[in-house]
Amino acid sequence: MVQSFETLAAIRFGYGFKKGAPDMRDAGQVLAQLRGADVAMAAFPTPDYTERRGVYTHYREQVRRAKKAGKKADRALRLDVQRAKRARKHLVVRDIHARFARAILSDTGFRERLAIFWSDHFTVAPKGQWPQILYGDMMDAAIRPHLAGNFLDLLLAAALHPSMLIYLDQPKSYGPNSPRGLRSDKGLNENLARELLELHTMGVDGGYGQNDVRQLAELLTGIVTTDQGMEFHEKQAEPGPETVLGKPYGSDAEPRFSDIREFFYDISRHPDTARNLARKLAVHFVADDPPEDLVRAMQQAYLDSGAELTALYEAMLEHPASWGALGGKVKQPFGFVVSGLRALDVSRDTVANMGISGTRRMMSIPMAAMGQSMLRAPGPNGWPEEAEAWITPQGIAARLQWALVVSAVYGAELDPREFVQTSLRDAAGKTLILAAGAAENRNEGLALVLSSPEFNRR
């Protein structure tokens, strides 16, 4: 059964239906969601890099003072430590809450889906207090501003964000022949170079070799993080030119960041990069094994446009393969939770006032039980896309349990017979419609819809 355009647009390219949200009636309207200001981010802002650094610095200072005082620490000092610790934890949960709130309440579901897609493409799994505090800044400072721009700008912002640099140990990478490398006897770290080629641009099957990884790692030396963010320190950079993919970058003169930017420009326009990005997007939105002609059309549009992301999206949205029947993809836990709360029409005030405990209880903890913990991606390659990764006995049980809880909390005024129609429209099968109407009580009927295959697939 092929669903209407409005249903396909809402479920495949958004986070499902929400009462009052406008229907998308053609591909142009879907793409138009990327124009204009980022209303969702403005509605739920998060601290900038400077404020985050201040929260962490203050916390470390209070801990230092308490340790210095030892057993002589008075009650006021202990309270200062507790308050600083709460501020640190609150900032991390605020970032998580913002991701959920923006997706749940936004009328621009395609923009929200792209934000999560690119966040996963540039995966960071923060470990430690400062990386966790810093993590949310990458979404708001590096990813969301560049969703509809040129891939070069997104690549530079995301791959060189301090969160990514710390995650991949780039500050620990020293040019072996650099002044700092020779003085400290520290050497090269290839993590960032490898992930840049393997994950962020050309893909695991791209036409590069180990020597390209090493040469790129040498080119990237000098990129470090400071209290001000990312900086380039010539004294840590490997002197001389490096050759990556057959092209030399740099010279015998002093190392320059502009040489690194030149490489980013070239790699953003490489055919392997175009194909990797096209296939990843098609896999995420359309099918675990997307049609080859869809991938080729997207790849060509990207190359013809000079790496413009809107051209890539437009080619996907205008291809007939993108508008086949639903059911080929399984919603990841984040998408399931978001679409469930949208379907239940949870109010803006309710979402905004969830706080730390509400965010953890209703969203992040259930999501982790379903197999997707917000800050714990399994590796730099992000979360799996294939259905088999999410349709597991434990994952299904967690989804059903969550559906029962949220139906009881937020569905007191809803009729399951109407809910199945408003939440799925023509994506609801006859069996599900009958079952929702025949449920013993309201709570079970709503949970039945939320846990159904139709609702869990897209």
Protein backbone atom coordinates (compact mmCIF):
# COMPACT_ATOMS: atom_id res chain seq x y z
CA MET A 1 0.00 0.00 0.00
CA VAL A 2 1.44 3.35 -1.07
CA GLN A 3 0.62 6.19 1.29
CA SER A 4 -0.23 9.79 0.44
CA PHE A 5 2.53 12.34 -0.14
CA GLU A 6 1.62 14.11 3.11
CA THR A 7 2.02 10.90 5.10
CA LEU A 8 5.30 9.97 3.44
CA ALA A 9 6.70 13.47 3.96
CA ALA A 10 5.75 13.53 7.65
CA ILE A 11 6.99 10.05 8.55
CA ARG A 12 9.87 9.37 6.15
CA PHE A 13 11.32 12.87 6.08
CA GLY A 14 10.19 14.16 9.46
CA TYR A 15 9.23 12.95 12.92
CA GLY A 16 5.63 12.12 12.21
CA PHE A 17 2.37 13.95 12.63
CA LYS A 18 1.63 16.48 15.36
CA LYS A 19 -1.64 18.28 15.86
CA GLY A 20 -1.55 21.72 14.23
CA ALA A 21 1.64 21.11 12.23
CA PRO A 22 1.26 21.96 8.51
CA ASP A 23 1.19 19.18 5.92
CA MET A 24 3.88 19.05 3.25
CA ARG A 25 2.28 18.69 -0.18
CA ASP A 26 5.30 18.57 -2.48
CA ALA A 27 9.09 18.18 -2.41
CA GLY A 28 9.57 21.94 -2.64
CA GLN A 29 7.72 22.47 0.63
CA VAL A 30 9.86 19.86 2.36
CA LEU A 31 13.06 21.51 1.12
CA ALA A 32 11.72 24.95 2.05
CA GLN A 33 11.90 23.94 5.72
CA LEU A 34 15.62 24.68 5.52
CA ARG A 35 15.12 28.31 4.57
CA GLY A 36 15.04 31.11 7.07
CA ALA A 37 16.03 31.25 10.72
CA ASP A 38 16.47 28.18 12.88
CA VAL A 39 13.34 28.75 14.96
CA ALA A 40 13.66 25.53 16.95
CA MET A 41 17.20 26.30 18.11
CA ALA A 42 16.18 29.83 19.05
CA ALA A 43 13.27 28.46 21.10
CA PHE A 44 15.55 26.11 23.05
CA PRO A 45 19.02 27.69 23.10
CA THR A 46 22.04 26.19 24.81
CA PRO A 47 25.16 27.87 26.26
CA ASP A 48 27.99 28.90 23.96
CA TYR A 49 31.58 27.71 24.20
CA THR A 50 32.63 30.49 26.58
CA GLU A 51 29.84 29.79 29.05
CA ARG A 52 30.53 26.05 28.92
CA ARG A 53 34.20 26.65 29.63
CA GLY A 54 33.22 28.87 32.54
CA VAL A 55 30.99 26.18 34.08
CA TYR A 56 33.77 23.61 33.85
CA THR A 57 36.48 25.95 35.11
CA HIS A 58 34.33 26.96 38.09
CA TYR A 59 33.63 23.30 38.92
CA ARG A 60 37.32 22.37 38.77
CA GLU A 61 38.21 25.35 40.96
CA GLN A 62 35.73 24.34 43.66
CA VAL A 63 37.00 20.75 43.60
CA ARG A 64 40.58 22.02 43.86
CA ARG A 65 39.70 24.21 46.84
CA ALA A 66 37.95 21.33 48.60
CA LYS A 67 40.88 18.98 48.07
CA LYS A 68 43.30 21.57 49.37
CA ALA A 69 41.20 22.09 52.48
CA GLY A 70 40.81 18.35 53.02
CA LYS A 71 39.10 17.53 56.29
CA LYS A 72 39.12 21.21 57.17
CA ALA A 73 36.66 22.04 54.38
CA ASP A 74 33.69 23.82 55.94
CA ARG A 75 30.03 23.41 55.06
CA ALA A 76 30.03 26.45 52.76
CA LEU A 77 32.88 25.04 50.69
CA ARG A 78 31.20 21.65 50.42
CA LEU A 79 28.01 23.38 49.26
CA ASP A 80 30.00 25.30 46.64
CA VAL A 81 31.29 21.99 45.27
CA GLN A 82 27.79 20.51 45.19
CA ARG A 83 26.36 23.54 43.40
CA ALA A 84 29.17 23.52 40.84
CA LYS A 85 28.64 19.80 40.26
CA ARG A 86 24.88 20.32 39.77
CA ALA A 87 25.57 23.13 37.30
CA ARG A 88 27.84 20.83 35.30
CA LYS A 89 25.28 18.02 35.20
CA HIS A 90 22.42 20.42 34.47
CA LEU A 91 24.23 21.76 31.41
CA VAL A 92 24.64 18.26 29.95
CA VAL A 93 20.98 17.39 30.51
CA ARG A 94 19.96 20.77 29.09
CA ASP A 95 21.71 19.82 25.84
CA ILE A 96 19.86 16.50 25.74
CA HIS A 97 16.56 18.19 26.54
CA ALA A 98 17.11 20.73 23.74
CA ARG A 99 17.57 17.96 21.16
CA PHE A 100 14.32 16.34 22.19
CA ALA A 101 12.34 19.56 22.59
CA ARG A 102 13.32 20.95 19.20
CA ALA A 103 12.31 17.76 17.40
CA ILE A 104 9.10 17.23 19.37
CA LEU A 105 7.73 20.74 18.89
CA SER A 106 9.15 21.84 15.56
CA ASP A 107 7.09 22.27 12.39
CA THR A 108 10.26 21.71 10.35
CA GLY A 109 10.78 17.99 10.81
CA PHE A 110 13.12 17.65 7.84
CA ARG A 111 15.51 20.19 9.36
CA GLU A 112 15.44 18.32 12.68
CA ARG A 113 16.06 14.98 10.98
CA LEU A 114 19.04 16.44 9.12
CA ALA A 115 20.47 17.85 12.35
CA ILE A 116 20.45 14.39 13.90
CA PHE A 117 21.74 12.75 10.70
CA TRP A 118 24.78 15.03 10.46
CA SER A 119 25.39 14.80 14.20
CA ASP A 120 25.63 11.04 13.72
CA HIS A 121 27.77 11.40 10.59
CA PHE A 122 30.21 13.42 12.69
CA THR A 123 29.82 11.22 15.75
CA VAL A 124 31.43 12.15 19.02
CA ALA A 125 31.07 9.94 22.11
CA PRO A 126 32.31 12.26 24.87
CA LYS A 127 34.23 10.73 27.75
CA GLY A 128 35.05 12.79 30.80
CA GLN A 129 33.56 15.89 32.36
CA TRP A 130 34.82 18.57 29.98
CA PRO A 131 33.99 16.60 26.80
CA GLN A 132 30.45 16.01 28.07
CA ILE A 133 30.00 19.71 28.87
CA LEU A 134 31.39 20.65 25.46
CA TYR A 135 29.39 18.08 23.47
CA GLY A 136 26.22 20.12 22.90
CA ASP A 137 28.14 23.07 21.47
CA MET A 138 29.07 20.99 18.42
CA MET A 139 25.42 20.62 17.42
CA ASP A 140 24.58 24.30 17.82
CA ALA A 141 27.83 25.91 16.68
CA ALA A 142 29.10 23.49 14.04
CA ILE A 143 26.21 21.45 12.63
CA ARG A 144 22.89 23.29 12.71
CA PRO A 145 24.21 26.53 11.14
CA HIS A 146 25.48 24.60 8.09
CA LEU A 147 22.63 22.16 7.34
CA ALA A 148 21.66 23.94 4.12
CA GLY A 149 25.05 25.31 3.10
CA ASN A 150 28.12 23.95 1.37
CA PHE A 151 29.55 20.70 2.68
CA LEU A 152 32.96 22.34 2.95
CA ASP A 153 31.68 24.68 5.65
CA LEU A 154 29.99 21.85 7.54
CA LEU A 155 33.09 19.68 7.27
CA LEU A 156 35.41 22.39 8.55
CA ALA A 157 33.11 23.30 11.42
CA ALA A 158 32.30 19.76 12.57
CA ALA A 159 35.56 17.90 11.95
CA LEU A 160 37.59 20.69 13.58
CA HIS A 161 35.24 21.43 16.45
CA PRO A 162 37.01 21.05 19.82
CA SER A 163 34.60 18.24 20.73
CA MET A 164 35.74 16.19 17.71
CA LEU A 165 39.40 17.09 18.20
CA ILE A 166 39.38 15.94 21.81
CA TYR A 167 37.42 12.78 20.99
CA LEU A 168 39.95 11.75 18.34
CA ASP A 169 43.03 12.85 20.35
CA GLN A 170 44.13 15.46 17.80
CA PRO A 171 45.69 17.80 20.41
CA LYS A 172 48.06 14.93 21.24
CA SER A 173 49.31 14.74 17.64
CA TYR A 174 52.73 16.32 17.15
CA GLY A 175 54.67 16.68 13.95
CA PRO A 176 57.64 14.33 14.53
CA ASN A 177 60.01 17.01 13.21
CA SER A 178 58.19 20.01 14.65
CA PRO A 179 59.87 22.11 17.38
CA ARG A 180 57.40 20.88 19.99
CA GLY A 181 57.58 17.28 18.78
CA LEU A 182 61.38 17.22 18.93
CA ARG A 183 61.45 18.92 22.33
CA SER A 184 58.81 16.68 23.94
CA ASP A 185 59.59 13.46 22.09
CA LYS A 186 55.89 13.15 21.20
CA GLY A 187 54.67 11.88 17.87
CA LEU A 188 51.86 11.56 15.39
CA ASN A 189 48.26 10.53 16.09
CA GLU A 190 46.35 9.35 13.01
CA ASN A 191 42.83 9.16 14.48
CA LEU A 192 41.44 12.37 12.97
CA ALA A 193 43.05 11.79 9.59
CA ARG A 194 41.68 8.26 9.38
CA GLU A 195 38.13 9.20 10.34
CA LEU A 196 38.19 12.20 8.01
CA LEU A 197 38.82 9.92 5.07
CA GLU A 198 36.99 6.78 6.17
CA LEU A 199 33.86 8.28 7.75
CA HIS A 200 33.49 12.01 7.15
CA THR A 201 34.34 12.18 3.44
CA MET A 202 35.40 9.38 1.06
CA GLY A 203 33.99 6.41 2.93
CA VAL A 204 35.41 3.07 3.94
CA ASP A 205 35.64 1.98 0.28
CA GLY A 206 37.19 5.27 -0.88
CA GLY A 207 40.27 5.34 -3.05
CA TYR A 208 42.88 6.13 -0.40
CA GLY A 209 45.61 4.14 1.30
CA GLN A 210 47.52 4.06 4.56
CA ASN A 211 50.15 6.45 3.22
CA ASP A 212 47.39 9.01 2.55
CA VAL A 213 46.24 8.62 6.16
CA ARG A 214 49.74 9.24 7.48
CA GLN A 215 50.43 12.17 5.19
CA LEU A 216 47.10 13.73 6.13
CA ALA A 217 47.86 13.18 9.83
CA GLU A 218 51.11 15.11 9.33
CA LEU A 219 49.25 17.87 7.51
CA LEU A 220 46.76 18.17 10.39
CA THR A 221 49.42 18.56 13.09
CA GLY A 222 49.29 21.97 14.65
CA ILE A 223 45.53 21.82 15.17
CA VAL A 224 44.94 21.99 18.93
CA THR A 225 42.29 23.08 21.42
CA THR A 226 42.60 25.92 23.94
CA ASP A 227 40.30 27.79 26.28
CA GLN A 228 39.25 29.83 23.23
CA GLY A 229 38.44 26.78 21.06
CA MET A 230 40.31 25.36 18.08
CA GLU A 231 43.65 26.99 17.21
CA PHE A 232 46.54 26.29 14.86
CA HIS A 233 50.00 26.23 16.43
CA GLU A 234 52.80 26.28 13.86
CA LYS A 235 55.36 25.03 16.40
CA GLN A 236 53.45 21.73 16.70
CA ALA A 237 52.92 21.27 12.95
CA GLU A 238 55.10 19.01 10.81
CA PRO A 239 57.30 21.16 8.55
CA GLY A 240 57.44 20.68 4.79
CA PRO A 241 54.82 19.59 2.26
CA GLU A 242 52.59 16.51 2.58
CA THR A 243 51.09 14.61 -0.35
CA VAL A 244 47.54 13.34 0.08
CA LEU A 245 45.71 11.56 -2.74
CA GLY A 246 48.51 12.52 -5.12
CA LYS A 247 48.44 16.26 -4.42
CA PRO A 248 51.06 18.13 -2.36
CA TYR A 249 49.89 20.53 0.35
CA GLY A 250 52.17 23.07 2.00
CA SER A 251 55.78 23.97 1.22
CA ASP A 252 59.16 24.27 2.85
CA ALA A 253 58.00 27.54 4.39
CA GLU A 254 56.36 27.75 7.81
CA PRO A 255 53.25 25.52 8.13
CA ARG A 256 49.94 27.32 7.51
CA PHE A 257 46.34 26.52 8.35
CA SER A 258 45.41 27.58 4.81
CA ASP A 259 47.12 24.42 3.53
CA ILE A 260 44.78 22.33 5.66
CA ARG A 261 41.78 24.30 4.42
CA GLU A 262 42.87 23.67 0.83
CA PHE A 263 42.79 19.93 1.49
CA PHE A 264 39.31 20.23 3.00
CA TYR A 265 38.16 22.10 -0.11
CA ASP A 266 39.49 19.37 -2.40
CA ILE A 267 38.17 16.43 -0.40
CA SER A 268 34.71 17.99 -0.11
CA ARG A 269 34.46 17.91 -3.92
CA HIS A 270 35.93 14.45 -4.45
CA PRO A 271 33.66 11.96 -6.30
CA ASP A 272 34.13 9.38 -3.55
CA THR A 273 32.95 11.92 -0.99
CA ALA A 274 29.91 12.71 -3.13
CA ARG A 275 29.01 9.04 -3.41
CA ASN A 276 29.57 8.32 0.29
CA LEU A 277 27.36 11.23 1.39
CA ALA A 278 24.68 10.41 -1.16
CA ARG A 279 24.48 6.78 -0.11
CA LYS A 280 24.47 7.56 3.61
CA LEU A 281 21.60 10.01 3.20
CA ALA A 282 19.65 7.58 1.03
CA VAL A 283 20.20 4.79 3.55
CA HIS A 284 19.08 6.99 6.41
CA PHE A 285 15.94 8.35 4.80
CA VAL A 286 14.81 5.85 2.18
CA ALA A 287 16.03 2.25 2.57
CA ASP A 288 18.76 0.16 4.16
CA ASP A 289 19.71 -0.82 0.60
CA PRO A 290 18.71 2.17 -1.55
CA PRO A 291 18.30 1.95 -5.34
CA GLU A 292 21.52 2.62 -7.19
CA ASP A 293 19.95 5.15 -9.54
CA LEU A 294 18.85 7.23 -6.53
CA VAL A 295 22.40 7.28 -5.16
CA ARG A 296 23.85 8.20 -8.57
CA ALA A 297 21.38 11.04 -9.05
CA MET A 298 22.22 12.47 -5.64
CA GLN A 299 25.96 12.08 -6.20
CA GLN A 300 25.82 13.88 -9.54
CA ALA A 301 23.69 16.72 -8.19
CA TYR A 302 26.19 17.23 -5.39
CA LEU A 303 29.17 17.32 -7.76
CA ASP A 304 27.44 19.58 -10.30
CA SER A 305 26.57 22.08 -7.58
CA GLY A 306 30.06 22.29 -6.09
CA ALA A 307 29.17 20.37 -2.89
CA GLU A 308 25.97 22.27 -2.07
CA LEU A 309 23.94 20.24 0.43
CA THR A 310 20.58 21.59 -0.74
CA ALA A 311 21.29 20.16 -4.20
CA LEU A 312 21.95 16.79 -2.59
CA TYR A 313 18.69 16.93 -0.63
CA GLU A 314 16.71 18.16 -3.61
CA ALA A 315 17.91 15.27 -5.78
CA MET A 316 16.77 12.84 -3.09
CA LEU A 317 13.38 14.50 -2.59
CA GLU A 318 12.65 14.68 -6.32
CA HIS A 319 13.56 11.06 -7.10
CA PRO A 320 10.60 8.66 -7.42
CA ALA A 321 12.36 6.03 -5.29
CA SER A 322 12.05 8.32 -2.26
CA TRP A 323 8.29 8.16 -2.34
CA GLY A 324 7.59 4.43 -2.28
CA ALA A 325 5.57 2.72 0.45
CA LEU A 326 6.62 3.09 4.07
CA GLY A 327 8.07 0.25 6.10
CA GLY A 328 11.58 -0.15 4.74
CA LYS A 329 13.25 1.58 7.70
CA VAL A 330 12.94 1.15 11.47
CA LYS A 331 12.86 4.23 13.67
CA GLN A 332 15.87 4.48 15.92
CA PRO A 333 14.94 5.00 19.60
CA PHE A 334 15.40 8.78 19.41
CA GLY A 335 13.03 8.99 16.45
CA PHE A 336 10.55 6.64 18.10
CA VAL A 337 10.43 8.66 21.34
CA VAL A 338 10.14 11.96 19.49
CA SER A 339 7.42 10.77 17.11
CA GLY A 340 5.53 9.19 20.01
CA LEU A 341 5.45 12.41 22.02
CA ARG A 342 4.49 14.37 18.90
CA ALA A 343 1.62 11.98 18.21
CA LEU A 344 0.40 12.32 21.80
CA ASP A 345 0.39 16.09 21.25
CA VAL A 346 2.46 16.81 24.35
CA SER A 347 2.24 20.56 24.90
CA ARG A 348 5.06 23.05 24.61
CA ASP A 349 4.79 23.94 28.30
CA THR A 350 5.00 20.28 29.29
CA VAL A 351 8.09 19.71 27.18
CA ALA A 352 9.74 22.97 28.23
CA ASN A 353 9.19 22.30 31.94
CA MET A 354 10.33 18.68 32.07
CA GLY A 355 13.57 19.64 33.77
CA ILE A 356 16.40 17.25 34.56
CA SER A 357 14.34 14.52 36.19
CA GLY A 358 11.58 14.63 33.56
CA THR A 359 14.03 14.53 30.67
CA ARG A 360 15.81 11.54 32.15
CA ARG A 361 12.65 9.68 33.19
CA MET A 362 10.55 10.19 30.06
CA MET A 363 13.21 10.35 27.35
CA SER A 364 16.90 9.61 27.87
CA ILE A 365 16.60 6.61 30.24
CA PRO A 366 13.90 4.85 28.15
CA MET A 367 15.95 5.55 25.02
CA ALA A 368 18.98 3.88 26.58
CA ALA A 369 16.84 0.86 27.48
CA MET A 370 15.86 0.65 23.81
CA GLY A 371 19.54 0.46 22.90
CA GLN A 372 20.51 4.06 22.14
CA SER A 373 22.16 6.13 24.85
CA MET A 374 22.49 9.80 23.94
CA LEU A 375 26.18 10.23 24.81
CA ARG A 376 27.40 6.71 24.14
CA ALA A 377 27.52 5.97 20.43
CA PRO A 378 29.36 2.66 19.89
CA GLY A 379 32.17 4.29 17.92
CA PRO A 380 33.15 7.07 15.51
CA ASN A 381 30.97 5.46 12.82
CA GLY A 382 27.84 6.33 14.82
CA TRP A 383 24.64 4.38 15.31
CA PRO A 384 23.69 1.50 12.99
CA GLU A 385 21.01 2.06 10.36
CA GLU A 386 19.90 -1.50 9.62
CA ALA A 387 16.59 -2.68 11.05
CA GLU A 388 18.15 -5.73 12.71
CA ALA A 389 20.11 -3.51 15.08
CA TRP A 390 16.91 -2.15 16.63
CA ILE A 391 14.36 -4.95 16.35
CA THR A 392 15.60 -7.05 19.26
CA PRO A 393 13.65 -8.69 22.10
CA GLN A 394 15.07 -6.25 24.64
CA GLY A 395 14.51 -3.25 22.40
CA ILE A 396 10.92 -4.19 21.58
CA ALA A 397 10.12 -4.80 25.25
CA ALA A 398 11.53 -1.37 26.16
CA ARG A 399 9.46 0.30 23.45
CA LEU A 400 6.30 -1.36 24.67
CA GLN A 401 7.01 -0.40 28.27
CA TRP A 402 7.62 3.21 27.28
CA ALA A 403 4.45 3.27 25.19
CA LEU A 404 2.38 2.13 28.19
CA VAL A 405 3.94 4.77 30.45
CA VAL A 406 3.59 7.78 28.13
CA SER A 407 0.08 6.75 27.11
CA ALA A 408 -0.95 6.80 30.77
CA VAL A 409 0.81 10.10 31.48
CA TYR A 410 -0.07 12.08 28.36
CA GLY A 411 -3.00 10.27 26.76
CA ALA A 412 -5.80 10.70 29.31
CA GLU A 413 -7.92 12.75 26.89
CA LEU A 414 -7.25 10.70 23.75
CA ASP A 415 -9.48 8.10 22.12
CA PRO A 416 -7.49 5.18 20.59
CA ARG A 417 -9.89 5.04 17.64
CA GLU A 418 -9.06 8.64 16.77
CA PHE A 419 -5.43 8.37 17.80
CA VAL A 420 -4.64 5.65 15.26
CA GLN A 421 -5.96 7.93 12.53
CA THR A 422 -4.28 11.16 13.64
CA SER A 423 -0.90 9.54 14.37
CA LEU A 424 -0.62 7.38 11.25
CA ARG A 425 -3.38 8.43 8.83
CA ASP A 426 -3.25 6.17 5.77
CA ALA A 427 -0.15 4.37 7.09
CA ALA A 428 -2.37 2.50 9.59
CA GLY A 429 -3.37 -0.98 8.48
CA LYS A 430 -6.90 -2.32 8.85
CA THR A 431 -5.82 -4.81 11.52
CA LEU A 432 -4.29 -2.07 13.65
CA ILE A 433 -7.37 0.13 13.26
CA LEU A 434 -9.62 -2.69 14.43
CA ALA A 435 -7.30 -3.62 17.30
CA ALA A 436 -7.08 -0.03 18.55
CA GLY A 437 -10.88 0.19 18.62
CA ALA A 438 -11.22 -3.13 20.41
CA ALA A 439 -8.66 -2.47 23.17
CA GLU A 440 -9.89 -3.09 26.71
CA ASN A 441 -9.05 0.43 27.87
CA ARG A 442 -7.72 3.76 26.64
CA ASN A 443 -4.15 3.23 27.86
CA GLU A 444 -3.77 -0.16 26.18
CA GLY A 445 -5.26 1.14 22.97
CA LEU A 446 -2.85 4.06 22.72
CA ALA A 447 0.13 1.88 23.64
CA LEU A 448 -0.96 -0.65 21.02
CA VAL A 449 -0.73 2.02 18.33
CA LEU A 450 2.63 3.34 19.53
CA SER A 451 4.15 -0.15 19.68
CA SER A 452 2.71 -1.28 16.34
CA PRO A 453 4.92 -2.11 13.34
CA GLU A 454 3.31 0.74 11.41
CA PHE A 455 4.38 3.30 14.03
CA ASN A 456 7.86 1.86 14.56
CA ARG A 457 8.71 1.78 10.87
CA ARG A 458 9.08 4.56 8.37
